[in-house]
Amino acid sequence: MNLLERELQYPLDDTLPAPGATIEVAPGVRWIRMALPFALDHINLWLLRDRLDGREGWTVVDCCISRDEAKAQWEQVFANELQGLPILRVIVTHMHPDHLGLAHWLCERWSTPERECRLWISATDYNAARLASQSTTAFGGEGSAAFFASHGLADPESLEKIRGRANYYTGLVPALPPRFRRLRDGESIAIGGRNWRCISGYGHAPEHIALYCDELRVLVSGDMMLPRISTNVSVYEVEPEADSLALFLESIDKFAPLPQDTLVLPSHGKPFRGLHARIRQLHEHHRDRLAEVMEACGEKPCSAAEMLPVLFKRKLDLHQTTFAMGESIAHLHALWHAGKLKRVRDAGGVWRFSAVS
C-alpha cells in the first residue's frame, strides 16, 4: 500500500470476488470483477437489485469488453448469483470498451418479445460509441497516427502500429444496442426502490455518468474516481484543442458535497472510503505534474512526446504510449488554455509549447 492509499479505507480489505461470483458490498449491491488482457488487468462491474415496470430482477452497471472469457463469467453469474431473476436493464457509465463492450450481448441475452432489456447511457457517449464503431477516431488508424505525429511521436514502428489499430474499438465493442435510454446529469433513477442520482463527468470520456444513492451512501464512480491510479485524461484527434484536464478536475469537485462516509465503488481497484481525501490527492497529483511540465517548457519549447519521460517514469508499451500521449497533450493544453504556455508549429509540423514570457 502506497502512502496515498493509507489515507483511504478499504472495508473489504483484500477480499475480491471469485471469477463468476459476486460479493455484496451494500444492501442490494453486488460486486463482480472480470479480467482484462491489458496492463490494467481487471474491471469492476455491479449488480443492483431492482424492480422495473412491475418485474423483479437486476440492473447491471458496466459490462466488460467483448471476449469469450467475459461471456463465460457472465454465464456463471447468471446461473449462480441472480436468485433466478432476470437482468432488467444495462447501465453503462461511459463508452470505453471495457465498460460498453458486452452491452449488446447482455441486452440481447435478456430481451424477450414482450420486454426489451434496454441500454441506459448518456446520449453523448452512445453517439460517441457509434462514431468510434464507424471510424478509427482516437483508438487507432491513420488519423490517430497523424495526430500523435503532430505532437512529436516520431518512432516509425509505433506510428505504423497505431495505423494498424484501425479496428481496435470494434474488436472490443463489435456492436451496439440499436436503442438506448438517455441518462442526464442530476436525473434521479429509481433502482430497487432507492433513488440513484446521475452525476456527469468530463475529461475522461465525452459524458461519463456516475451514480450516487444517498440512502445507501454509495457512489458508483466508474472511472471518474479510482483509489490507486489516476484516471486517464487525454486529448485525441476528434477534438484536437480540448482542455480535458480542466474538465476532469472540475468534474471530480462535483463529488465533494457527498458525505464523508460515502462508499466509493470504482471501476478499477477496490471499494473504498475516503472520497474527499482522494479528490484532494488527485488535485495535488495533477498540480505537481503541471508544475513539472511548466518547468520543462520554461527551459525550451517541448512537444507532447518530449513530455513522456517527464510525466511517466516507467517503460511504456504501445497501448500505454497512446494513453500517455493523450495525457501529455492534456497537461500541455491545460497550461496553454490557462495562458501560461504558448504553442507554435515548427517546420516539421510538430506542436511545441513554451512558457509565456
Foldseek 3Di string as FASTA:
>chain_A
DDPLLVLWFFPVPPDDADQLGWDDPFVQKIWHWDADPDPLTIWIKIWGFFADPNFTWIEIEFQAFDDPSSVVSVVSCCVPPTVVGAHQEYEFQAQALGGFHCRQVNQVVGADPVHTHAYEYAPQRVVVNVVVQVWQWLQAADQQLVLLVQLPPDDPVLSVVRNVCTCVSCVGRVDHPPDHHHDDAQDWDQGHNFTWGWQWAFQQHHTGTWIATLVGLEIADEQLFDSPDHRQGFATRVHNLDLSVVRSLVRLVVCVVRDQQRFYNYTGDGTIGDSVSRNVVNVVLLVVLLVQVQVVQAVDWHGLVRCLCVNPVDDDDSVVVSSSSGRSSNSLSNCVVVVQWPWDQDPVSHITIHGDD
